[in-house]
Structure formats: structure tokens, C-alpha cells
Amino acid sequence: MADGVLSSFFIKVKNDGYDGGGVKTYAARAEVFKQETSSNMVYLIEQGLVKLVRVASNGSQVIIGLRRRPWLMGAPAVLLNKPYSFTAVTLLPSSIRAIPAKVFLKLATMNRQFSSHLNMLLSQEIFNHMRNVEAVSCMSAEDRVMRFLGDLVADQASNDKKRAVFSLPLTNRELAELIAVTPEHICRVLKNMERKDLIRREHGMLIIDDPAKLSQGTLL
């Protein structure tokens, strides 16, 4: 789905005199919406990176995924008329459009083109989930980290195609949650990748001299 396609729907709705939702800029580590609250908005990520966090009944917390543009957060909850099933927190400065549930549902039921895009997006989420289950079961932790970094390079790195330099938006503990290993093991994985010259870390920046070694996957 091309970037900007979904935004154009909501901009047109707003230009037609309806509440098509406004864009808000969030700082890094800002909460967009909270788990178990009423799903009265759908949130379109226009720029940035957001982590989805689920807190279990016993108080334990886990990152269930990361989302980037042009993702519609909260769409399943609104379609099912259920509370949000996770808390959304920005990892990078992000621009996010908040669309009222009534406007979203009207477009989903009455606009064929929008409905088609929405079906593709929800299908992609199911596909990504299945790929991630496969990755956790069959891929090594290092391969999962490589896949994750490949996604980040595509999204936020400033590079000349031969070298990528960027700030890692996750702590080691958060990366361990996402990769489904312990924090201690993720430290060993990153050190091993440095020994193999796959990555370098300098002054808080992550440097990848050969981004071609990374493969984009579905961890984002």
C-alpha cells in the first residue's frame, strides 16, 4: 500500500466538511492510547515508529509488535466495538492522525476503495503475525535481530546504500522482548554480531557497514 493513500481519504473527508481527524506530533516515548480504554478513535501513523505493549492480568508486560507508516492502529478494536487490546507508545518522534470511529466505520462500509485498502492492511497484519510465529520457532536469535535491523534500515537510516548509521530506538530489554529471548541473551547476540563485523556501536549510534547483509522481514 503506497504511503499517503490512506491519508488522502481522511483529508478529503475533512475538506468535505466532516471530521476527518487531525495530525498530532508526538515526542518519543509518548503514549498515544491505553489498553482497555474505549476505542473511539483509529490512529494512522503518518511518520515515526510505535510499539504496541500488552499488560497481562498478573502485571507482566510484553511488546507485541512495532508499527510504522501507513499503519492504522486500533482498527480491529473499532470494527469489533471492543476496547483497545494494547497500549501504543511512540519510539521515535511521530506524526499520527486520529480518526473518529464514526468516520472510519463510514468509510469502511461505504467507500469501496478504502475498504479494499483496509482489507489489505488487516490481511497483512495476519500474514506478519504468522511469519513472526515462524521466525520465533525456526530462526536463530541473531537472524531475527538481522531481520529487525533490516526493517529499521529501510525506515530510519541515513545511508549511502553502503553504510547505515542510526539510533536504535529500543533498549536491550525491549529488543529482547521483541525477539523473544532474555535480555542477557540479546547482549550476547549483539556482541557476537559485533565480533562478526555485522554491526558496530559508537557513541550511542548503530553502524552497519554493509546493509546488504540485512534482510527485510516482518518484525515491524
Protein backbone atom coordinates (compact mmCIF):
# COMPACT_ATOMS: atom_id res chain seq x y z
CA MET A 1 0.00 0.00 0.00
CA ALA A 2 1.55 3.30 -1.06
CA ASP A 3 2.35 5.85 1.63
CA GLY A 4 -0.11 8.72 1.65
CA VAL A 5 -3.03 6.80 0.14
CA LEU A 6 -4.88 6.43 3.43
CA SER A 7 -4.11 10.00 4.48
CA SER A 8 -5.74 11.25 1.29
CA PHE A 9 -9.04 9.62 2.27
CA PHE A 10 -9.18 11.46 5.58
CA ILE A 11 -8.01 14.76 4.11
CA LYS A 12 -10.79 14.56 1.53
CA VAL A 13 -13.35 13.78 4.24
CA LYS A 14 -12.17 16.82 6.19
CA ASN A 15 -12.28 19.03 3.08
CA ASP A 16 -15.86 17.89 2.53
CA GLY A 17 -16.78 19.40 5.90
CA TYR A 18 -16.61 16.32 8.12
CA ASP A 19 -14.23 15.43 10.93
CA GLY A 20 -11.53 13.56 9.05
CA GLY A 21 -9.18 13.65 12.02
CA GLY A 22 -6.22 15.87 12.77
CA VAL A 23 -2.50 15.11 12.77
CA LYS A 24 -0.64 15.37 16.08
CA THR A 25 3.11 15.26 16.57
CA TYR A 26 4.26 13.07 19.46
CA ALA A 27 7.66 13.11 21.10
CA ALA A 28 9.50 9.81 21.54
CA ARG A 29 8.14 7.64 24.38
CA ALA A 30 4.72 9.32 24.36
CA GLU A 31 1.54 7.32 24.98
CA VAL A 32 -0.96 7.52 22.11
CA PHE A 33 -3.73 5.43 23.68
CA LYS A 34 -4.03 2.97 26.55
CA GLN A 35 -5.01 -0.68 26.80
CA GLU A 36 -8.62 -1.42 27.83
CA THR A 37 -9.84 2.14 27.15
CA SER A 38 -12.78 2.80 24.84
CA SER A 39 -11.90 2.54 21.14
CA ASN A 40 -13.35 5.83 19.93
CA MET A 41 -10.50 6.61 17.51
CA VAL A 42 -8.41 4.89 14.86
CA TYR A 43 -4.84 6.17 14.58
CA LEU A 44 -3.00 6.40 11.27
CA ILE A 45 0.80 6.52 11.58
CA GLU A 46 2.00 9.04 9.02
CA GLN A 47 5.58 9.15 10.25
CA GLY A 48 7.55 7.51 13.06
CA LEU A 49 7.64 4.22 14.91
CA VAL A 50 5.26 2.93 17.61
CA LYS A 51 5.49 -0.04 19.95
CA LEU A 52 2.38 -1.97 20.98
CA VAL A 53 2.50 -3.10 24.61
CA ARG A 54 0.21 -5.61 26.32
CA VAL A 55 -0.01 -5.87 30.11
CA ALA A 56 -1.27 -9.23 31.38
CA SER A 57 -3.55 -9.72 34.40
CA ASN A 58 -0.52 -10.66 36.53
CA GLY A 59 1.14 -7.34 35.73
CA SER A 60 3.76 -8.67 33.32
CA GLN A 61 4.33 -6.59 30.21
CA VAL A 62 5.34 -7.61 26.71
CA ILE A 63 5.88 -5.85 23.39
CA ILE A 64 3.51 -7.49 20.94
CA GLY A 65 4.73 -5.62 17.90
CA LEU A 66 6.04 -2.45 16.29
CA ARG A 67 4.16 -0.35 13.78
CA ARG A 68 5.25 2.23 11.22
CA ARG A 69 3.58 4.16 8.39
CA PRO A 70 0.99 3.72 6.97
CA TRP A 71 -0.46 1.56 9.75
CA LEU A 72 -3.96 2.04 11.19
CA MET A 73 -3.72 1.35 14.91
CA GLY A 74 -6.90 0.40 16.76
CA ALA A 75 -8.83 -0.54 13.63
CA PRO A 76 -9.70 -4.10 14.79
CA ALA A 77 -10.96 -2.78 18.15
CA VAL A 78 -13.21 -0.22 16.44
CA LEU A 79 -14.52 -2.77 13.93
CA LEU A 80 -15.33 -5.19 16.76
CA ASN A 81 -16.60 -2.44 19.10
CA LYS A 82 -14.17 -3.58 21.81
CA PRO A 83 -11.65 -1.69 23.99
CA TYR A 84 -8.11 -1.31 22.75
CA SER A 85 -6.20 -4.54 23.42
CA PHE A 86 -2.83 -2.83 23.85
CA THR A 87 -1.14 0.44 24.76
CA ALA A 88 0.55 2.35 21.93
CA VAL A 89 3.79 4.20 22.76
CA THR A 90 5.97 6.09 20.28
CA LEU A 91 9.62 5.05 19.98
CA LEU A 92 10.59 7.89 17.66
CA PRO A 93 9.09 11.36 17.18
CA SER A 94 5.91 10.51 15.29
CA SER A 95 3.12 12.19 13.33
CA ILE A 96 -0.17 10.39 13.91
CA ARG A 97 -3.66 11.17 12.61
CA ALA A 98 -6.57 10.46 14.96
CA ILE A 99 -9.72 9.47 13.02
CA PRO A 100 -13.07 9.37 14.86
CA ALA A 101 -14.54 5.85 14.91
CA LYS A 102 -17.76 7.01 13.21
CA VAL A 103 -15.83 8.45 10.25
CA PHE A 104 -13.65 5.35 9.99
CA LEU A 105 -16.64 2.97 10.06
CA LYS A 106 -18.48 5.03 7.47
CA LEU A 107 -15.53 4.85 5.09
CA ALA A 108 -15.06 1.13 5.78
CA THR A 109 -18.67 0.33 4.90
CA MET A 110 -19.42 2.85 2.14
CA ASN A 111 -16.16 3.53 0.27
CA ARG A 112 -15.08 0.56 -1.84
CA GLN A 113 -11.53 1.80 -2.40
CA PHE A 114 -10.97 2.48 1.29
CA SER A 115 -12.48 -0.88 2.23
CA SER A 116 -10.09 -2.59 -0.19
CA HIS A 117 -7.07 -0.85 1.39
CA LEU A 118 -8.34 -1.74 4.85
CA ASN A 119 -8.75 -5.42 3.92
CA MET A 120 -5.21 -5.46 2.57
CA LEU A 121 -3.85 -3.90 5.75
CA LEU A 122 -5.66 -6.33 8.06
CA SER A 123 -4.60 -9.26 5.88
CA GLN A 124 -1.02 -8.03 6.07
CA GLU A 125 -1.25 -8.00 9.87
CA ILE A 126 -2.37 -11.64 9.90
CA PHE A 127 0.39 -12.56 7.43
CA ASN A 128 3.03 -10.76 9.52
CA HIS A 129 1.84 -12.49 12.67
CA MET A 130 2.19 -15.92 11.07
CA ARG A 131 5.67 -15.06 9.77
CA ASN A 132 6.72 -13.90 13.24
CA VAL A 133 5.47 -17.13 14.81
CA GLU A 134 7.55 -18.99 12.22
CA ALA A 135 10.59 -16.80 12.95
CA VAL A 136 10.44 -17.43 16.70
CA SER A 137 10.10 -21.17 16.11
CA CYS A 138 12.62 -21.68 13.32
CA MET A 139 15.09 -18.78 13.16
CA SER A 140 18.05 -18.10 15.44
CA ALA A 141 18.02 -15.03 17.65
CA GLU A 142 20.76 -13.50 15.51
CA ASP A 143 18.72 -13.99 12.33
CA ARG A 144 15.70 -12.36 14.00
CA VAL A 145 17.84 -9.38 15.02
CA MET A 146 19.15 -9.12 11.45
CA ARG A 147 15.59 -9.09 10.14
CA PHE A 148 14.60 -6.39 12.63
CA LEU A 149 17.61 -4.23 11.72
CA GLY A 150 16.81 -4.66 8.04
CA ASP A 151 13.40 -3.13 8.67
CA LEU A 152 14.92 -0.25 10.64
CA VAL A 153 17.48 0.50 7.95
CA ALA A 154 14.69 0.73 5.41
CA ASP A 155 12.72 3.09 7.66
CA GLN A 156 15.01 5.46 9.52
CA ALA A 157 18.63 5.14 8.50
CA SER A 158 20.56 7.91 6.80
CA ASN A 159 22.83 5.97 4.50
CA ASP A 160 24.61 5.92 1.17
CA LYS A 161 23.49 2.34 0.41
CA LYS A 162 26.93 1.14 1.52
CA ARG A 163 26.72 2.21 5.16
CA ALA A 164 23.80 2.75 7.56
CA VAL A 165 24.03 4.91 10.69
CA PHE A 166 21.10 5.34 13.04
CA SER A 167 19.99 5.36 16.65
CA LEU A 168 18.44 2.13 17.92
CA PRO A 169 15.02 3.14 19.32
CA LEU A 170 14.71 0.14 21.67
CA THR A 171 16.55 -0.67 24.87
CA ASN A 172 18.23 -4.07 25.05
CA ARG A 173 15.37 -5.28 27.26
CA GLU A 174 12.75 -4.12 24.73
CA LEU A 175 14.66 -5.70 21.86
CA ALA A 176 14.85 -8.94 23.84
CA GLU A 177 11.05 -8.87 24.31
CA LEU A 178 10.51 -8.31 20.60
CA ILE A 179 12.94 -11.05 19.58
CA ALA A 180 11.59 -13.40 22.29
CA VAL A 181 14.83 -14.01 24.19
CA THR A 182 16.19 -12.96 27.57
CA PRO A 183 17.98 -9.59 27.99
CA GLU A 184 21.16 -11.47 28.83
CA HIS A 185 20.96 -13.44 25.59
CA ILE A 186 20.32 -10.35 23.45
CA CYS A 187 23.52 -8.82 24.86
CA ARG A 188 25.44 -11.94 23.81
CA VAL A 189 23.83 -11.85 20.35
CA LEU A 190 24.76 -8.20 19.77
CA LYS A 191 28.34 -8.76 20.96
CA ASN A 192 28.64 -11.76 18.65
CA MET A 193 27.35 -9.68 15.74
CA GLU A 194 30.00 -7.06 16.53
CA ARG A 195 32.70 -9.74 16.53
CA LYS A 196 31.48 -10.81 13.07
CA ASP A 197 31.65 -7.16 11.90
CA LEU A 198 27.93 -7.21 11.10
CA ILE A 199 27.32 -4.16 13.31
CA ARG A 200 29.28 -1.52 15.22
CA ARG A 201 28.18 0.65 18.11
CA GLU A 202 29.77 4.07 18.60
CA HIS A 203 28.60 6.98 20.76
CA GLY A 204 25.07 5.63 21.04
CA MET A 205 24.75 5.06 17.30
CA LEU A 206 24.42 1.76 15.48
CA ILE A 207 26.59 1.45 12.37
CA ILE A 208 26.08 -1.18 9.69
CA ASP A 209 28.84 -1.06 7.10
CA ASP A 210 27.13 -3.49 4.72
CA PRO A 211 23.29 -3.12 4.86
CA ALA A 212 23.03 -5.65 2.01
CA LYS A 213 23.65 -8.37 4.59
CA LEU A 214 20.39 -7.48 6.28
CA SER A 215 17.09 -8.89 5.05
CA GLN A 216 13.81 -7.05 5.48
CA GLY A 217 11.25 -9.19 7.25
CA THR A 218 8.03 -8.71 9.16
CA LEU A 219 9.10 -7.84 12.70
CA LEU A 220 7.94 -4.23 12.17
